[in-house]
Every structure is written in C-alpha cells, then in structure tokens.
N, C-alpha and C. Protein backbone atom coordinates (compact mmCIF):
# COMPACT_ATOMS: atom_id res chain seq x y z
N MET A 1 23.16 6.52 -32.94
CA MET A 1 22.46 7.71 -32.52
C MET A 1 21.52 8.16 -33.64
N PRO A 2 20.23 8.36 -33.33
CA PRO A 2 19.31 8.79 -34.38
C PRO A 2 19.54 10.24 -34.78
N ASP A 3 19.19 10.57 -36.00
CA ASP A 3 19.23 11.94 -36.46
C ASP A 3 18.32 12.77 -35.56
N GLU A 4 18.73 14.02 -35.24
CA GLU A 4 17.96 14.84 -34.31
C GLU A 4 16.52 15.07 -34.76
N ALA A 5 16.24 15.01 -36.04
CA ALA A 5 14.89 15.23 -36.54
C ALA A 5 14.08 13.94 -36.62
N THR A 6 14.67 12.79 -36.29
CA THR A 6 13.99 11.51 -36.43
C THR A 6 12.78 11.40 -35.53
N ILE A 7 12.92 11.74 -34.26
CA ILE A 7 11.82 11.64 -33.31
C ILE A 7 11.59 13.01 -32.70
N ARG A 8 10.47 13.63 -33.06
CA ARG A 8 10.16 14.96 -32.55
C ARG A 8 8.79 15.03 -31.89
N THR A 9 7.96 14.00 -32.04
CA THR A 9 6.62 14.04 -31.46
C THR A 9 6.32 12.73 -30.75
N VAL A 10 5.29 12.74 -29.92
CA VAL A 10 4.87 11.52 -29.23
C VAL A 10 4.46 10.46 -30.25
N GLY A 11 3.80 10.87 -31.32
CA GLY A 11 3.40 9.92 -32.36
C GLY A 11 4.58 9.22 -33.00
N GLN A 12 5.65 9.97 -33.29
CA GLN A 12 6.85 9.37 -33.88
C GLN A 12 7.53 8.45 -32.88
N LEU A 13 7.53 8.81 -31.60
CA LEU A 13 8.11 7.94 -30.57
C LEU A 13 7.31 6.65 -30.46
N LYS A 14 5.99 6.73 -30.48
CA LYS A 14 5.15 5.53 -30.43
C LYS A 14 5.46 4.60 -31.61
N GLU A 15 5.65 5.19 -32.78
CA GLU A 15 5.99 4.37 -33.96
C GLU A 15 7.30 3.63 -33.73
N GLN A 16 8.30 4.30 -33.16
CA GLN A 16 9.59 3.68 -32.91
C GLN A 16 9.51 2.58 -31.86
N LEU A 17 8.60 2.73 -30.89
CA LEU A 17 8.48 1.77 -29.79
C LEU A 17 7.49 0.64 -30.07
N ALA A 18 6.68 0.78 -31.10
CA ALA A 18 5.66 -0.22 -31.41
C ALA A 18 6.31 -1.59 -31.60
N GLY A 19 5.74 -2.58 -30.94
CA GLY A 19 6.21 -3.95 -31.09
C GLY A 19 7.34 -4.34 -30.16
N LEU A 20 7.91 -3.40 -29.40
CA LEU A 20 8.98 -3.74 -28.47
C LEU A 20 8.41 -4.33 -27.19
N ARG A 21 9.22 -5.13 -26.51
CA ARG A 21 8.81 -5.72 -25.23
C ARG A 21 8.56 -4.63 -24.20
N ASP A 22 7.53 -4.80 -23.38
CA ASP A 22 7.18 -3.82 -22.35
C ASP A 22 8.20 -3.75 -21.22
N ASP A 23 9.04 -4.77 -21.05
CA ASP A 23 9.96 -4.78 -19.91
C ASP A 23 11.35 -4.21 -20.25
N LEU A 24 11.52 -3.63 -21.43
CA LEU A 24 12.82 -3.04 -21.79
C LEU A 24 13.06 -1.76 -20.98
N LEU A 25 14.27 -1.61 -20.44
CA LEU A 25 14.66 -0.43 -19.70
C LEU A 25 14.86 0.73 -20.66
N VAL A 26 14.43 1.93 -20.27
CA VAL A 26 14.65 3.14 -21.06
C VAL A 26 15.83 3.88 -20.46
N VAL A 27 16.86 4.16 -21.28
CA VAL A 27 18.01 4.94 -20.83
C VAL A 27 18.14 6.18 -21.71
N LEU A 28 18.69 7.23 -21.13
CA LEU A 28 18.88 8.50 -21.82
C LEU A 28 20.36 8.81 -21.92
N SER A 29 20.78 9.29 -23.06
CA SER A 29 22.17 9.71 -23.24
C SER A 29 22.39 11.05 -22.57
N GLU A 30 23.55 11.18 -21.96
CA GLU A 30 23.90 12.44 -21.29
C GLU A 30 24.09 13.56 -22.30
N ASP A 31 24.63 13.21 -23.45
CA ASP A 31 24.86 14.21 -24.49
C ASP A 31 24.90 13.52 -25.85
N GLU A 32 25.01 14.31 -26.89
CA GLU A 32 24.98 13.81 -28.26
C GLU A 32 26.09 12.81 -28.56
N GLU A 33 27.23 12.95 -27.89
CA GLU A 33 28.37 12.07 -28.14
C GLU A 33 28.28 10.75 -27.38
N GLY A 34 27.29 10.60 -26.50
CA GLY A 34 27.16 9.36 -25.73
C GLY A 34 28.22 9.23 -24.65
N ASN A 35 28.58 10.33 -24.00
CA ASN A 35 29.60 10.30 -22.95
C ASN A 35 29.09 9.74 -21.63
N GLY A 36 27.82 9.52 -21.50
CA GLY A 36 27.24 8.95 -20.29
C GLY A 36 25.79 8.60 -20.55
N PHE A 37 25.25 7.71 -19.72
CA PHE A 37 23.87 7.26 -19.88
C PHE A 37 23.22 7.16 -18.51
N SER A 38 21.90 7.33 -18.48
CA SER A 38 21.14 7.25 -17.24
C SER A 38 19.76 6.67 -17.53
N PRO A 39 19.23 5.84 -16.60
CA PRO A 39 17.87 5.34 -16.78
C PRO A 39 16.85 6.47 -16.71
N LEU A 40 15.75 6.29 -17.37
CA LEU A 40 14.64 7.24 -17.33
C LEU A 40 14.04 7.22 -15.93
N ALA A 41 13.84 8.40 -15.33
CA ALA A 41 13.31 8.50 -13.98
C ALA A 41 11.87 8.98 -13.95
N ASP A 42 11.50 9.89 -14.85
CA ASP A 42 10.17 10.48 -14.77
C ASP A 42 9.77 11.05 -16.12
N VAL A 43 8.49 11.22 -16.30
CA VAL A 43 7.92 11.85 -17.49
C VAL A 43 6.95 12.91 -16.99
N THR A 44 7.11 14.14 -17.48
CA THR A 44 6.21 15.21 -17.06
C THR A 44 5.68 15.95 -18.28
N LEU A 45 4.60 16.66 -18.06
CA LEU A 45 4.02 17.53 -19.08
C LEU A 45 4.32 18.97 -18.70
N GLY A 46 4.62 19.79 -19.67
CA GLY A 46 4.91 21.19 -19.40
C GLY A 46 4.86 22.02 -20.65
N LYS A 47 5.56 23.12 -20.62
CA LYS A 47 5.64 24.05 -21.74
C LYS A 47 7.12 24.23 -22.09
N TYR A 48 7.40 24.49 -23.36
CA TYR A 48 8.76 24.69 -23.84
C TYR A 48 8.80 25.94 -24.70
N ALA A 49 9.76 26.80 -24.39
CA ALA A 49 9.99 28.01 -25.19
C ALA A 49 11.39 27.89 -25.79
N ALA A 50 11.47 27.81 -27.10
CA ALA A 50 12.75 27.65 -27.78
C ALA A 50 13.54 28.95 -27.75
N ASP A 51 14.83 28.83 -27.42
CA ASP A 51 15.77 29.94 -27.53
C ASP A 51 16.48 29.89 -28.88
N SER A 52 16.59 28.67 -29.43
CA SER A 52 17.24 28.44 -30.72
C SER A 52 16.67 27.14 -31.27
N THR A 53 17.25 26.63 -32.34
CA THR A 53 16.77 25.37 -32.90
C THR A 53 17.22 24.17 -32.07
N TRP A 54 18.14 24.34 -31.10
CA TRP A 54 18.65 23.21 -30.32
C TRP A 54 18.51 23.36 -28.82
N SER A 55 18.02 24.48 -28.33
CA SER A 55 17.86 24.62 -26.88
C SER A 55 16.76 25.62 -26.55
N GLY A 56 16.32 25.55 -25.30
CA GLY A 56 15.28 26.45 -24.85
C GLY A 56 15.04 26.28 -23.37
N GLN A 57 13.89 26.72 -22.91
CA GLN A 57 13.55 26.68 -21.49
C GLN A 57 12.29 25.86 -21.28
N TYR A 58 12.33 24.99 -20.26
CA TYR A 58 11.18 24.16 -19.89
C TYR A 58 10.46 24.81 -18.72
N PHE A 59 9.14 24.79 -18.77
CA PHE A 59 8.31 25.31 -17.69
C PHE A 59 7.39 24.18 -17.23
N ASP A 60 7.30 23.97 -15.91
CA ASP A 60 6.35 22.99 -15.39
C ASP A 60 4.95 23.37 -15.84
N ALA A 61 4.10 22.36 -15.96
CA ALA A 61 2.70 22.64 -16.31
C ALA A 61 2.17 23.65 -15.30
N PRO A 62 1.56 24.72 -15.77
CA PRO A 62 1.14 25.77 -14.84
C PRO A 62 0.05 25.31 -13.88
N THR A 63 0.16 25.79 -12.66
CA THR A 63 -0.90 25.54 -11.69
C THR A 63 -2.01 26.55 -11.93
N ILE A 64 -3.21 26.17 -11.56
CA ILE A 64 -4.34 27.07 -11.78
C ILE A 64 -4.97 27.35 -10.42
N PRO A 65 -4.97 28.59 -9.90
CA PRO A 65 -4.29 29.74 -10.52
C PRO A 65 -2.80 29.68 -10.27
N ALA A 66 -2.04 30.35 -11.11
CA ALA A 66 -0.59 30.35 -10.98
C ALA A 66 -0.17 31.05 -9.69
N ARG A 67 0.85 30.50 -9.04
CA ARG A 67 1.41 31.16 -7.86
C ARG A 67 2.20 32.38 -8.31
N ALA A 68 2.24 33.38 -7.48
CA ALA A 68 2.94 34.62 -7.82
C ALA A 68 4.43 34.40 -8.03
N ASP A 69 5.02 33.40 -7.34
CA ASP A 69 6.46 33.18 -7.44
C ASP A 69 6.85 32.25 -8.58
N GLU A 70 5.91 31.78 -9.37
CA GLU A 70 6.21 30.87 -10.48
C GLU A 70 6.56 31.66 -11.74
N ASP A 71 7.63 31.23 -12.40
CA ASP A 71 7.92 31.79 -13.72
C ASP A 71 6.85 31.30 -14.68
N GLN A 72 6.32 32.18 -15.46
CA GLN A 72 5.29 31.82 -16.42
C GLN A 72 5.91 31.73 -17.81
N PRO A 73 5.49 30.73 -18.60
CA PRO A 73 6.03 30.59 -19.95
C PRO A 73 5.56 31.74 -20.83
N PRO A 74 6.36 32.09 -21.84
CA PRO A 74 5.92 33.12 -22.79
C PRO A 74 4.73 32.61 -23.60
N ALA A 75 4.03 33.52 -24.22
CA ALA A 75 2.81 33.18 -24.97
C ALA A 75 3.08 32.19 -26.10
N ASP A 76 4.29 32.18 -26.67
CA ASP A 76 4.58 31.29 -27.80
C ASP A 76 5.12 29.92 -27.37
N ALA A 77 5.15 29.65 -26.05
CA ALA A 77 5.62 28.34 -25.57
C ALA A 77 4.64 27.26 -26.02
N VAL A 78 5.17 26.07 -26.30
CA VAL A 78 4.34 24.96 -26.77
C VAL A 78 4.27 23.87 -25.71
N ASP A 79 3.19 23.07 -25.76
CA ASP A 79 3.03 21.93 -24.85
C ASP A 79 4.06 20.87 -25.21
N VAL A 80 4.66 20.24 -24.17
CA VAL A 80 5.66 19.20 -24.40
C VAL A 80 5.55 18.08 -23.37
N VAL A 81 6.11 16.94 -23.73
CA VAL A 81 6.35 15.83 -22.82
C VAL A 81 7.85 15.86 -22.54
N CYS A 82 8.23 15.88 -21.28
CA CYS A 82 9.65 15.93 -20.91
C CYS A 82 10.07 14.62 -20.26
N LEU A 83 11.15 14.02 -20.75
CA LEU A 83 11.71 12.80 -20.19
C LEU A 83 12.89 13.18 -19.31
N TRP A 84 12.86 12.77 -18.03
CA TRP A 84 13.89 13.13 -17.07
C TRP A 84 14.75 11.94 -16.73
N PRO A 85 16.08 12.11 -16.83
CA PRO A 85 16.99 11.02 -16.47
C PRO A 85 17.15 10.89 -14.96
N THR A 86 17.62 9.74 -14.50
CA THR A 86 17.91 9.54 -13.08
C THR A 86 19.02 10.47 -12.62
N ASN A 87 20.07 10.60 -13.43
CA ASN A 87 21.20 11.48 -13.10
C ASN A 87 21.35 12.55 -14.14
C-alpha cells in the first residue's frame, strides 16, 4: 500500500503509470487495510471540499446554469478527478 501522500495529483499518477502496459486492469481498494477490492468503473471531474485532512465532500461538475435543486460546492472547493469503483 502506498503512503497516502505518494500520489496526490494527476501528474504524480501519470509518473507512476508511465511505461506500464495499456491492458492492465485498474482495481481500487475498499479501504486502507485492503479488506476488499473492486475494478475501476468510471472517472469523473468535479469539485472537492475537505472536511479534514482525510475526508471531505465531492460535488459533480456544476451544470451551467446550475439547477436550483443541486448542492453547490463551497467557494474553497478545488477541482478534482474522481475514480469510482464498480462496487
């Protein structure tokens, strides 16, 4: 398991993946202890607002104009790439 600070940006992820075969399956750990694994299902762009150094809230990329029923991210939310597991 990599240190939590090892991969934090798309650039660092690209460095880790450089030179690997394109046909390798991507799996995600269910939790830090590796109690379960799931294949990668989707990649989305959105916003992230940290609640602490280890968790926060994800917001789908906002629609323009935003729908009235959509939760809007706070002003300090940052752009993120989100990897979604199958399960």
